[in-house]
Amino acid sequence: MPITDLLENNAKEFCHESALVEINPEIKEIRRVTWKEYELIESSPAESYRREITWGVFDEKANRCANLLLSRGIKKGDKVAILLMNGLEWLPIYFGILKTGALAVPLNFRYTGDEIKYCLELADVDAIFFGPEFIGRIEDIYAKIPRVKLIFYVGDACPRFAENYLHLAANLSSYSPRIPLVDSDDAAIYFSSGTTGFPKAILHNHESLMHAAKTEQRHHGQMHDDVFLCIPPLYHTGAKMHWFGSLISASKGVLLKGVNPKSIIKTASKEKCTIVWLLVPWAQDILDAIDRGDIDLAKYDLSNWRLMHIGAQPVPPSLIKRWKKVFPKHQYDTNYGLSESIGPGCVHLGVENIEKVGAIGVPGFGWKVKIIDEKGKEVERGTVGELAVKGPGVMSCYYKNEEATKEVLHNGWLWTGDMAMQDEEGFYYLVDRKKDVIISGGENIYPVQIEDFLRAHNAIKDVAVIGLPDARLGEISAAIIELKPEAVCTEEEINEFCQDLPRYKRPRRIIFAEIPRNPTGKIEKPKLRKMYCAENLVEMQTKA
């Protein structure tokens, strides 16, 4: 069953009920969507920009998008890119592409023009939808991407080199084109986050998308009256696939632009959100804002909020303990997934396992998990090895990259590149990325373990541990530390705090600086290594 069937079923059964809400705190205006078109119903300098569409309108917009693409020659198997910020147009365009039998190709909104060009060429893209934020980047490259025959602009004041999508789609049929789809049909190409190099194109079929919806709904029990607050970018598998739980239960999703702590709390209160998915930095910022008095929880009604869950990165146990003190009634879950395993929950903690905070959890719904050595042999419990997963959400391949595919796909098992271990109770713990492991004087040092330890320090907001070249030990560990606003801390204090670590795990260098993270919350360690490794090499050469 293709996931587009879920949308069509929701449109029939819950035609006039709310499907999606868009909120932008930076625009002071409220809008809603009627059955046919947008209608301005209120404007207030004290409120945020708000738009809303029903399931019926959602499906109609997807159908109009599909019929436009089909009328312009897009066919089953073609590729159509999406370069949009989160908003009400994003998901109808995504489903419109799927309804044609073409593949949706979401693009990272942080890509430069050259990176956009690279991804369009790698994925053999035939058409692209882009928003006003990207006019300059697309204008710089549109003459260099001859394969991309259709360039659709989504917004006001259409540039000369593009076509006005909203105007064109408004005049097309709102009925489904009924293109036959089966589970094995290719559905989407996503791009790896690039934390270990230039992005690779990840190919998924319709079975992958549908299994993501089933997994998310099974893990978090979305019912029709739930309200999911979605903040991360929809181009990423994590955000969209978590929203798929709302799709399968026909419940409302709220798309919030921006990560301001007060906006998150205000939106959760006003929209009566029941499920909020956060990244580690956002959860920390919320707690810090509450501690500073910037957020007075007494002013908000958060009684509907039942579940806070975090994914996309290792979660410090100290953060969750702190969160539970402030929100003792919240259920908590963490999900481990990657774009190659279609996002949410190939491993998940489970709301019933709060006492195991620190673990990424157990195999998710429909998934198998094991820890392997470098030859692919399963290791004993308690031994660190590479995490491997198998299930209906594993990618088909890296598109046009047979060599890279062979490196990670082995008899249906995806070798994730993440180092992990399993305890005696069967719970898995993420240790680190295989490529991030530091080998210092023959000892394996796992940065995540040191990062978790350091985050317990009251002055530290964020931390990243990387390996730096060393003439004697090969590598040494360096801790890049971002302090909380107005916090004061010295290198000596950090070194004293680290005395409780085994000697070989203590950072040899302390650097106070900002921690760069990508839009999905992952620390950009290649960027940090590029910044500080060169500096360390110069220092080594000077000493020599």
Protein backbone atom coordinates (compact mmCIF):
# COMPACT_ATOMS: atom_id res chain seq x y z
CA MET A 1 0.00 0.00 0.00
CA PRO A 2 1.57 3.34 -1.04
CA ILE A 3 1.54 6.08 1.56
CA THR A 4 -0.49 8.31 -0.77
CA ASP A 5 -3.48 6.06 -0.05
CA LEU A 6 -3.39 7.22 3.59
CA LEU A 7 -3.78 10.83 2.51
CA GLU A 8 -6.68 10.01 0.21
CA ASN A 9 -8.42 7.97 2.91
CA ASN A 10 -8.03 10.84 5.40
CA ALA A 11 -9.45 13.29 2.86
CA LYS A 12 -12.55 11.11 2.47
CA GLU A 13 -13.15 10.35 6.13
CA PHE A 14 -11.98 13.62 7.75
CA CYS A 15 -12.43 16.03 4.85
CA HIS A 16 -13.18 19.17 6.89
CA GLU A 17 -10.93 18.44 9.87
CA SER A 18 -7.61 20.19 10.43
CA ALA A 19 -4.59 18.43 8.94
CA LEU A 20 -1.76 20.96 9.05
CA VAL A 21 -1.10 24.27 10.76
CA GLU A 22 1.78 26.59 9.90
CA ILE A 23 3.00 29.08 12.50
CA ASN A 24 5.67 31.70 11.96
CA PRO A 25 6.31 33.85 15.05
CA GLU A 26 8.27 36.37 12.99
CA ILE A 27 5.23 37.38 10.88
CA LYS A 28 2.49 39.09 12.86
CA GLU A 29 -0.62 37.91 11.09
CA ILE A 30 -3.15 35.08 11.43
CA ARG A 31 -4.61 33.22 8.46
CA ARG A 32 -6.73 30.15 8.04
CA VAL A 33 -7.70 28.05 5.02
CA THR A 34 -11.30 27.56 4.01
CA TRP A 35 -12.50 24.71 1.82
CA LYS A 36 -11.45 26.47 -1.39
CA GLU A 37 -8.83 29.13 -0.79
CA TYR A 38 -6.92 31.08 1.86
CA GLU A 39 -8.95 33.73 3.66
CA LEU A 40 -7.59 36.43 5.97
CA ILE A 41 -9.69 36.28 9.14
CA GLU A 42 -7.65 38.23 11.68
CA SER A 43 -4.60 40.44 11.90
CA SER A 44 -2.93 41.33 15.16
CA PRO A 45 0.53 42.68 16.04
CA ALA A 46 0.47 40.52 19.16
CA GLU A 47 0.06 37.20 17.40
CA SER A 48 2.04 35.01 15.02
CA TYR A 49 1.31 34.25 11.38
CA ARG A 50 -0.93 31.19 11.30
CA ARG A 51 -2.35 29.21 8.39
CA GLU A 52 -4.32 25.99 8.44
CA ILE A 53 -5.53 23.42 5.92
CA THR A 54 -7.96 20.54 6.21
CA TRP A 55 -7.34 16.98 5.03
CA GLY A 56 -9.61 17.69 2.06
CA VAL A 57 -7.63 20.75 0.97
CA PHE A 58 -4.34 18.92 1.59
CA ASP A 59 -5.34 16.14 -0.80
CA GLU A 60 -6.73 18.59 -3.37
CA LYS A 61 -3.46 20.53 -3.40
CA ALA A 62 -1.46 17.30 -3.80
CA ASN A 63 -3.69 16.32 -6.73
CA ARG A 64 -3.28 19.71 -8.42
CA CYS A 65 0.50 19.40 -8.04
CA ALA A 66 0.45 15.88 -9.50
CA ASN A 67 -1.73 16.90 -12.43
CA LEU A 68 0.52 19.88 -13.21
CA LEU A 69 3.60 17.66 -13.29
CA LEU A 70 1.88 15.05 -15.45
CA SER A 71 0.64 17.73 -17.86
CA ARG A 72 4.22 18.91 -18.27
CA GLY A 73 5.62 15.49 -19.11
CA ILE A 74 6.75 14.22 -15.71
CA LYS A 75 6.19 10.47 -15.55
CA LYS A 76 6.72 7.48 -13.31
CA GLY A 77 10.39 7.14 -12.40
CA ASP A 78 11.33 10.78 -13.01
CA LYS A 79 12.84 12.81 -10.17
CA VAL A 80 11.45 16.05 -8.75
CA ALA A 81 13.35 18.12 -6.18
CA ILE A 82 11.93 20.19 -3.33
CA LEU A 83 13.87 23.16 -1.97
CA LEU A 84 11.48 24.83 0.46
CA MET A 85 11.43 26.00 4.04
CA ASN A 86 8.81 24.34 6.25
CA GLY A 87 5.31 25.54 5.41
CA LEU A 88 1.88 24.44 4.24
CA GLU A 89 3.05 23.96 0.65
CA TRP A 90 5.83 21.48 1.47
CA LEU A 91 3.88 18.29 2.19
CA PRO A 92 1.18 18.71 -0.53
CA ILE A 93 3.97 19.13 -3.10
CA TYR A 94 5.78 16.05 -1.71
CA PHE A 95 2.62 13.94 -1.98
CA GLY A 96 1.80 15.42 -5.37
CA ILE A 97 5.15 14.20 -6.67
CA LEU A 98 4.54 10.72 -5.22
CA LYS A 99 1.09 10.58 -6.83
CA THR A 100 2.66 10.90 -10.29
CA GLY A 101 4.89 7.89 -9.66
CA ALA A 102 7.92 10.20 -9.77
CA LEU A 103 10.51 10.28 -7.00
CA ALA A 104 10.54 13.14 -4.48
CA VAL A 105 14.03 14.56 -3.90
CA PRO A 106 14.08 16.85 -0.83
CA LEU A 107 17.08 19.20 -0.58
CA ASN A 108 18.78 20.65 2.48
CA PHE A 109 17.92 24.36 2.75
CA ARG A 110 21.49 25.09 3.85
CA TYR A 111 23.03 23.87 0.61
CA THR A 112 25.04 26.40 -1.35
CA GLY A 113 24.34 26.87 -5.05
CA ASP A 114 27.16 24.48 -5.96
CA GLU A 115 25.86 21.83 -3.54
CA ILE A 116 22.34 22.17 -4.96
CA LYS A 117 23.75 21.73 -8.47
CA TYR A 118 25.74 18.66 -7.33
CA CYS A 119 22.67 17.01 -5.79
CA LEU A 120 20.43 17.79 -8.77
CA GLU A 121 22.94 16.21 -11.12
CA LEU A 122 23.64 13.22 -8.88
CA ALA A 123 19.92 12.42 -8.53
CA ASP A 124 19.11 13.02 -12.23
CA VAL A 125 16.48 15.58 -11.27
CA ASP A 126 13.97 16.58 -13.99
CA ALA A 127 12.07 19.34 -12.15
CA ILE A 128 12.40 21.46 -9.01
CA PHE A 129 10.13 23.39 -6.68
CA PHE A 130 11.84 26.21 -4.77
CA GLY A 131 10.84 29.04 -2.45
CA PRO A 132 11.71 32.75 -2.16
CA GLU A 133 14.63 32.11 0.19
CA PHE A 134 16.49 30.35 -2.64
CA ILE A 135 16.01 32.71 -5.58
CA GLY A 136 19.64 33.82 -5.56
CA ARG A 137 21.04 30.31 -5.34
CA ILE A 138 18.82 28.95 -8.13
CA GLU A 139 19.46 31.99 -10.32
CA ASP A 140 23.19 31.33 -10.04
CA ILE A 141 22.91 27.76 -11.29
CA TYR A 142 19.76 27.44 -13.44
CA ALA A 143 21.69 27.85 -16.70
CA LYS A 144 24.13 25.12 -15.57
CA ILE A 145 21.49 22.43 -14.94
CA PRO A 146 20.11 21.73 -18.45
CA ARG A 147 18.53 18.42 -17.40
CA VAL A 148 16.15 20.27 -15.05
CA LYS A 149 13.50 21.24 -17.58
CA LEU A 150 10.88 22.50 -15.12
CA ILE A 151 11.66 25.16 -12.50
CA PHE A 152 8.63 26.01 -10.36
CA TYR A 153 8.63 28.92 -7.93
CA VAL A 154 6.47 28.67 -4.79
CA GLY A 155 5.73 32.17 -3.53
CA ASP A 156 4.98 35.74 -4.56
CA ALA A 157 6.89 37.76 -7.20
CA CYS A 158 8.06 34.91 -9.41
CA PRO A 159 11.58 35.41 -10.85
CA ARG A 160 11.95 35.55 -14.65
CA PHE A 161 13.74 32.19 -14.96
CA ALA A 162 10.97 30.20 -13.21
CA GLU A 163 7.25 29.48 -13.52
CA ASN A 164 4.69 30.47 -10.89
CA TYR A 165 3.61 27.15 -9.35
CA LEU A 166 0.73 28.50 -7.26
CA HIS A 167 -0.82 30.21 -10.29
CA LEU A 168 -0.42 27.18 -12.55
CA ALA A 169 -1.69 24.63 -10.02
CA ALA A 170 -4.82 26.64 -9.20
CA ASN A 171 -6.17 26.00 -12.71
CA LEU A 172 -5.71 22.23 -12.73
CA SER A 173 -7.91 19.34 -11.67
CA SER A 174 -8.16 18.56 -7.96
CA TYR A 175 -8.92 14.89 -8.64
CA SER A 176 -6.35 12.16 -8.12
CA PRO A 177 -4.55 11.05 -11.31
CA ARG A 178 -4.73 7.42 -10.09
CA ILE A 179 -1.26 6.38 -11.21
CA PRO A 180 -0.80 2.72 -10.13
CA LEU A 181 1.84 2.32 -7.39
CA VAL A 182 3.21 -0.76 -5.64
CA ASP A 183 5.48 -1.18 -2.61
CA SER A 184 8.57 -1.96 -4.69
CA ASP A 185 8.31 1.22 -6.78
CA ASP A 186 11.01 3.81 -6.13
CA ALA A 187 9.60 6.69 -4.10
CA ALA A 188 12.23 9.13 -2.87
CA ILE A 189 15.89 10.10 -2.86
CA TYR A 190 17.27 11.62 0.32
CA PHE A 191 20.78 12.87 0.92
CA SER A 192 23.08 11.83 3.73
CA SER A 193 23.76 14.57 6.27
CA GLY A 194 27.32 14.98 5.09
CA THR A 195 28.86 14.60 8.57
CA THR A 196 31.42 12.19 7.08
CA GLY A 197 31.89 13.84 3.69
CA PHE A 198 29.93 15.04 0.65
CA PRO A 199 26.28 13.89 0.61
CA LYS A 200 25.35 10.55 -0.95
CA ALA A 201 21.98 9.99 -2.64
CA ILE A 202 19.86 7.48 -0.71
CA LEU A 203 17.15 5.65 -2.66
CA HIS A 204 13.98 4.43 -0.90
CA ASN A 205 10.87 2.69 -2.21
CA HIS A 206 7.23 3.04 -1.20
CA GLU A 207 7.47 0.15 1.27
CA SER A 208 10.11 2.14 3.20
CA LEU A 209 7.85 5.18 3.52
CA MET A 210 4.87 3.13 4.61
CA HIS A 211 6.89 1.19 7.16
CA ALA A 212 8.13 4.47 8.64
CA ALA A 213 4.51 5.49 9.24
CA LYS A 214 3.67 2.14 10.85
CA THR A 215 6.79 2.22 13.03
CA GLU A 216 6.18 5.75 14.30
CA GLN A 217 2.50 5.11 15.08
CA ARG A 218 3.28 1.81 16.80
CA HIS A 219 5.99 3.38 18.98
CA HIS A 220 4.11 6.50 20.08
CA GLY A 221 0.49 5.48 19.81
CA GLN A 222 -0.82 8.45 17.85
CA MET A 223 -4.61 8.67 18.04
CA HIS A 224 -6.95 10.89 16.04
CA ASP A 225 -7.03 13.55 18.76
CA ASP A 226 -3.24 13.88 19.07
CA VAL A 227 -1.46 17.05 17.92
CA PHE A 228 2.15 16.74 16.78
CA LEU A 229 4.46 19.76 16.96
CA CYS A 230 7.04 19.52 14.17
CA ILE A 231 9.99 21.92 14.28
CA PRO A 232 12.87 20.24 12.38
CA PRO A 233 13.15 20.72 8.59
CA LEU A 234 10.85 18.53 6.50
CA TYR A 235 13.57 17.74 3.97
CA HIS A 236 15.06 15.40 6.59
CA THR A 237 13.70 11.89 7.01
CA GLY A 238 13.41 12.25 10.79
CA ALA A 239 10.95 15.15 10.86
CA LYS A 240 8.75 13.95 8.02
CA MET A 241 8.70 10.31 9.08
CA HIS A 242 7.72 11.24 12.63
CA TRP A 243 4.87 13.27 11.15
CA PHE A 244 3.87 10.12 9.25
CA GLY A 245 2.49 8.89 12.59
CA SER A 246 0.01 11.77 12.38
CA LEU A 247 -0.80 10.83 8.79
CA ILE A 248 -1.63 7.25 9.73
CA SER A 249 -3.89 8.41 12.60
CA ALA A 250 -5.34 11.40 10.68
CA SER A 251 -4.31 13.73 13.50
CA LYS A 252 -3.25 17.36 13.30
CA GLY A 253 0.36 18.41 12.71
CA VAL A 254 1.72 21.85 13.59
CA LEU A 255 4.69 23.20 11.63
CA LEU A 256 6.54 25.79 13.72
CA LYS A 257 9.19 27.98 12.10
CA GLY A 258 12.12 28.82 14.33
CA VAL A 259 13.48 27.27 17.52
CA ASN A 260 13.01 30.06 20.05
CA PRO A 261 12.22 28.38 23.41
CA LYS A 262 9.35 30.74 24.22
CA SER A 263 7.77 30.17 20.78
CA ILE A 264 7.95 26.40 21.27
CA ILE A 265 6.27 26.56 24.68
CA LYS A 266 3.70 29.12 23.50
CA THR A 267 2.79 27.04 20.45
CA ALA A 268 2.55 23.82 22.46
CA SER A 269 0.16 25.62 24.81
CA LYS A 270 -1.98 27.43 22.25
CA GLU A 271 -2.31 24.53 19.80
CA LYS A 272 -2.82 21.98 22.61
CA CYS A 273 0.06 19.88 21.35
CA THR A 274 0.32 16.36 22.76
CA ILE A 275 3.60 15.24 21.14
CA VAL A 276 6.71 17.37 20.68
CA TRP A 277 9.87 16.13 18.98
CA LEU A 278 12.95 18.10 20.00
CA LEU A 279 16.65 18.04 19.29
CA VAL A 280 19.12 18.11 22.17
CA PRO A 281 20.09 21.81 21.82
CA TRP A 282 16.45 22.91 21.77
CA ALA A 283 15.56 20.93 24.88
CA GLN A 284 18.59 22.44 26.65
CA ASP A 285 17.60 25.94 25.54
CA ILE A 286 14.06 25.45 26.87
CA LEU A 287 15.31 24.32 30.28
CA ASP A 288 17.85 27.15 30.42
CA ALA A 289 15.15 29.71 29.56
CA ILE A 290 12.94 28.33 32.35
CA ASP A 291 15.85 28.46 34.80
CA ARG A 292 16.60 32.08 33.87
CA GLY A 293 12.97 33.07 34.29
CA ASP A 294 12.54 33.93 30.61
CA ILE A 295 9.70 31.41 30.48
CA ASP A 296 7.09 31.35 33.25
CA LEU A 297 5.36 27.98 32.90
CA ALA A 298 2.44 29.23 35.01
CA LYS A 299 1.39 31.39 32.04
CA TYR A 300 0.92 28.38 29.73
CA ASP A 301 -1.44 25.43 29.59
CA LEU A 302 0.70 22.41 28.79
CA SER A 303 -1.68 19.84 30.25
CA ASN A 304 -2.20 18.18 26.85
CA TRP A 305 1.53 17.57 26.28
CA ARG A 306 2.05 13.85 26.94
CA LEU A 307 5.25 12.90 25.08
CA MET A 308 8.63 14.53 24.51
CA HIS A 309 10.98 12.57 22.33
CA ILE A 310 14.40 13.19 20.87
CA GLY A 311 16.19 11.64 17.94
CA ALA A 312 18.99 12.28 15.43
CA GLN A 313 21.82 12.23 17.98
CA PRO A 314 23.03 10.75 21.28
CA VAL A 315 21.04 12.12 24.22
CA PRO A 316 22.86 13.01 27.46
CA PRO A 317 21.16 11.22 30.40
CA SER A 318 21.70 14.36 32.50
CA LEU A 319 19.45 16.30 30.10
CA ILE A 320 16.53 13.88 30.48
CA LYS A 321 16.88 13.76 34.27
CA ARG A 322 16.76 17.54 34.28
CA TRP A 323 13.75 17.56 31.92
CA LYS A 324 11.81 15.11 34.10
CA LYS A 325 12.30 17.36 37.12
CA VAL A 326 10.62 20.22 35.27
CA PHE A 327 8.03 18.08 33.42
CA PRO A 328 7.52 15.02 35.66
CA LYS A 329 4.35 13.87 33.85
CA HIS A 330 5.92 13.69 30.40
CA GLN A 331 6.55 10.38 28.75
CA TYR A 332 9.95 10.27 27.11
CA ASP A 333 11.34 8.33 24.19
CA THR A 334 14.45 8.48 22.08
CA ASN A 335 14.75 7.11 18.57
CA TYR A 336 17.81 5.99 16.70
CA GLY A 337 17.60 6.08 12.95
CA LEU A 338 19.43 7.31 9.90
CA SER A 339 18.41 8.36 6.43
CA GLU A 340 19.56 4.99 5.11
CA SER A 341 17.02 3.35 7.44
CA ILE A 342 14.24 5.87 6.68
CA GLY A 343 14.38 7.92 9.85
CA PRO A 344 12.42 6.99 12.97
CA GLY A 345 12.99 4.10 15.23
CA CYS A 346 14.93 1.20 13.78
CA VAL A 347 16.06 1.29 17.43
CA HIS A 348 14.00 3.07 20.06
CA LEU A 349 13.98 3.30 23.84
CA GLY A 350 10.23 2.98 24.38
CA VAL A 351 8.20 5.12 26.77
CA GLU A 352 8.02 2.22 29.22
CA ASN A 353 11.81 2.11 29.61
CA ILE A 354 12.53 5.50 31.17
CA GLU A 355 14.83 3.85 33.72
CA LYS A 356 17.19 2.99 30.83
CA VAL A 357 17.87 6.60 29.86
CA GLY A 358 21.23 6.65 28.13
CA ALA A 359 20.44 3.64 25.95
CA ILE A 360 19.14 4.11 22.41
CA GLY A 361 16.88 1.17 23.21
CA VAL A 362 15.74 -2.06 21.59
CA PRO A 363 14.89 -3.04 18.00
CA GLY A 364 12.02 -0.97 16.65
CA PHE A 365 8.80 -2.33 15.21
CA GLY A 366 9.64 -4.68 12.32
CA TRP A 367 13.41 -4.28 12.77
CA LYS A 368 16.32 -6.58 13.62
CA VAL A 369 19.54 -5.31 15.22
CA LYS A 370 22.97 -6.78 15.97
CA ILE A 371 26.51 -5.66 16.86
CA ILE A 372 29.25 -6.89 14.53
CA ASP A 373 33.02 -6.85 14.21
CA GLU A 374 34.94 -5.64 11.15
CA LYS A 375 34.28 -8.93 9.32
CA GLY A 376 30.54 -8.84 9.97
CA LYS A 377 30.56 -11.48 12.70
CA GLU A 378 28.22 -10.84 15.64
CA VAL A 379 30.13 -10.01 18.85
CA GLU A 380 29.36 -11.00 22.44
CA ARG A 381 27.15 -8.80 24.58
CA GLY A 382 29.06 -6.04 26.28
CA THR A 383 31.58 -5.79 23.43
CA VAL A 384 31.77 -2.62 21.36
CA GLY A 385 31.23 -3.16 17.65
CA GLU A 386 29.41 -1.70 14.66
CA LEU A 387 25.63 -1.44 14.80
CA ALA A 388 23.84 -3.25 11.97
CA VAL A 389 20.08 -3.09 11.28
CA LYS A 390 17.70 -4.96 9.00
CA GLY A 391 14.07 -4.24 8.16
CA PRO A 392 11.57 -2.96 5.58
CA GLY A 393 12.94 0.58 5.90
CA VAL A 394 16.48 -0.14 4.73
CA MET A 395 17.38 1.85 1.61
CA SER A 396 17.46 0.20 -1.79
CA CYS A 397 20.95 1.57 -2.49
CA TYR A 398 23.08 4.65 -2.76
CA TYR A 399 21.84 5.95 -6.09
CA LYS A 400 24.50 5.65 -8.81
CA ASN A 401 27.13 4.56 -6.28
CA GLU A 402 27.52 0.80 -6.39
CA GLU A 403 30.83 0.82 -4.51
CA ALA A 404 29.46 2.75 -1.53
CA THR A 405 26.35 0.54 -1.51
CA LYS A 406 28.45 -2.63 -1.29
CA GLU A 407 30.31 -1.18 1.69
CA VAL A 408 27.18 -0.85 3.83
CA LEU A 409 24.57 -3.33 2.52
CA HIS A 410 25.27 -7.01 3.26
CA ASN A 411 22.49 -9.61 2.74
CA GLY A 412 19.82 -7.10 3.69
CA TRP A 413 21.76 -5.79 6.70
CA LEU A 414 22.73 -2.12 6.82
CA TRP A 415 26.09 -1.51 8.47
CA THR A 416 25.45 1.88 10.03
CA GLY A 417 28.99 3.07 10.79
CA ASP A 418 27.92 3.71 14.39
CA MET A 419 29.76 1.98 17.22
CA ALA A 420 27.50 0.50 19.89
CA MET A 421 27.20 -2.18 22.53
CA GLN A 422 24.37 -4.29 23.98
CA ASP A 423 23.92 -4.82 27.72
CA GLU A 424 22.75 -7.98 29.46
CA GLU A 425 19.12 -6.84 29.36
CA GLY A 426 19.20 -6.48 25.58
CA PHE A 427 19.38 -2.67 25.41
CA TYR A 428 21.68 -1.02 22.89
CA TYR A 429 23.96 1.91 23.71
CA LEU A 430 25.46 4.19 21.08
CA VAL A 431 29.17 4.67 21.68
CA ASP A 432 30.21 6.82 18.71
CA ARG A 433 30.53 7.13 14.97
CA LYS A 434 33.08 4.65 13.66
CA LYS A 435 34.95 7.47 11.93
CA ASP A 436 34.89 9.63 15.07
CA VAL A 437 36.67 7.12 17.30
CA ILE A 438 39.97 8.55 18.55
CA ILE A 439 42.95 6.17 18.76
CA SER A 440 45.43 7.66 21.19
CA GLY A 441 48.53 5.69 22.12
CA GLY A 442 46.76 2.47 21.07
CA GLU A 443 43.66 3.17 23.20
CA ASN A 444 40.23 3.59 21.61
CA ILE A 445 38.54 6.73 22.93
CA TYR A 446 34.83 7.21 22.20
CA PRO A 447 34.02 10.96 22.14
CA VAL A 448 30.34 10.54 23.02
CA GLN A 449 31.26 9.11 26.42
CA ILE A 450 33.39 12.15 27.24
CA GLU A 451 30.76 14.53 25.86
CA ASP A 452 28.06 12.99 28.08
CA PHE A 453 30.36 13.37 31.09
CA LEU A 454 31.18 17.01 30.37
CA ARG A 455 27.55 18.03 29.77
CA ALA A 456 26.90 17.39 33.46
CA HIS A 457 28.97 20.52 34.25
CA ASN A 458 26.63 23.39 35.14
CA ALA A 459 28.46 25.96 32.99
CA ILE A 460 28.49 23.89 29.79
CA LYS A 461 25.80 24.38 27.17
CA ASP A 462 27.26 22.12 24.47
CA VAL A 463 30.43 20.13 23.85
CA ALA A 464 32.15 18.23 21.06
CA VAL A 465 35.19 15.99 21.44
CA ILE A 466 37.41 15.40 18.42
CA GLY A 467 40.80 13.85 17.73
CA LEU A 468 43.75 16.08 16.89
CA PRO A 469 47.05 14.86 15.38
CA ASP A 470 49.86 14.27 17.85
CA ALA A 471 53.48 13.34 17.05
CA ARG A 472 53.84 10.98 20.01
CA LEU A 473 50.38 9.42 20.51
CA GLY A 474 49.04 9.61 16.97
CA GLU A 475 45.96 11.46 18.19
CA ILE A 476 44.88 13.29 21.31
CA SER A 477 41.35 14.18 22.39
CA ALA A 478 40.28 17.82 22.36
CA ALA A 479 37.09 19.11 23.94
CA ILE A 480 35.48 22.08 22.22
CA ILE A 481 33.20 23.60 24.85
CA GLU A 482 30.39 26.10 24.37
CA LEU A 483 29.48 27.77 27.66
CA LYS A 484 25.99 28.83 28.70
CA PRO A 485 25.22 32.53 28.26
CA GLU A 486 26.93 34.60 30.98
CA ALA A 487 28.63 31.49 32.41
CA VAL A 488 32.28 31.81 33.42
CA CYS A 489 34.60 28.82 33.42
CA THR A 490 38.32 28.24 33.01
CA GLU A 491 40.42 25.49 31.50
CA GLU A 492 41.68 24.65 34.98
CA GLU A 493 38.11 24.13 36.23
CA ILE A 494 37.34 21.78 33.34
CA ASN A 495 40.51 19.79 33.96
CA GLU A 496 39.62 19.50 37.64
CA PHE A 497 36.09 18.35 36.73
CA CYS A 498 37.57 15.65 34.47
CA GLN A 499 39.58 14.06 37.28
CA ASP A 500 36.72 11.57 37.72
CA LEU A 501 37.38 10.23 34.20
CA PRO A 502 39.99 7.53 33.59
CA ARG A 503 43.28 9.24 32.74
CA TYR A 504 43.29 8.16 29.06
CA LYS A 505 39.80 9.62 28.54
CA ARG A 506 40.61 13.07 29.90
CA PRO A 507 40.75 15.69 27.11
CA ARG A 508 44.31 16.80 26.38
CA ARG A 509 43.13 20.14 24.99
CA ILE A 510 40.29 22.42 26.09
CA ILE A 511 38.95 24.91 23.53
CA PHE A 512 36.17 27.37 24.37
CA ALA A 513 34.15 28.03 21.19
CA GLU A 514 30.72 27.71 19.62
CA ILE A 515 29.61 24.20 18.58
CA PRO A 516 28.34 24.04 14.97
CA ARG A 517 25.34 21.74 14.41
CA ASN A 518 23.50 20.94 11.21
CA PRO A 519 19.70 21.44 10.90
CA THR A 520 19.03 17.95 12.31
CA GLY A 521 21.04 18.70 15.43
CA LYS A 522 24.14 16.66 14.64
CA ILE A 523 27.49 18.15 15.59
CA GLU A 524 29.47 19.05 12.46
CA LYS A 525 32.69 17.36 13.51
CA PRO A 526 34.31 17.49 10.05
CA LYS A 527 34.05 21.27 10.27
CA LEU A 528 35.61 21.27 13.74
CA ARG A 529 38.42 18.94 12.65
CA LYS A 530 39.14 21.17 9.66
CA MET A 531 39.31 24.20 11.95
CA TYR A 532 41.49 22.78 14.69
CA CYS A 533 43.57 20.00 13.09
CA ALA A 534 45.45 22.45 10.87
CA GLU A 535 46.10 24.66 13.88
CA ASN A 536 47.41 21.66 15.84
CA LEU A 537 49.69 20.57 12.97
CA VAL A 538 51.25 24.04 12.84
CA GLU A 539 51.82 23.87 16.58
CA MET A 540 53.46 20.42 16.22
CA GLN A 541 55.75 21.67 13.44
CA THR A 542 56.72 24.70 15.52
CA LYS A 543 57.69 22.48 18.45
CA ALA A 544 59.66 20.18 16.14
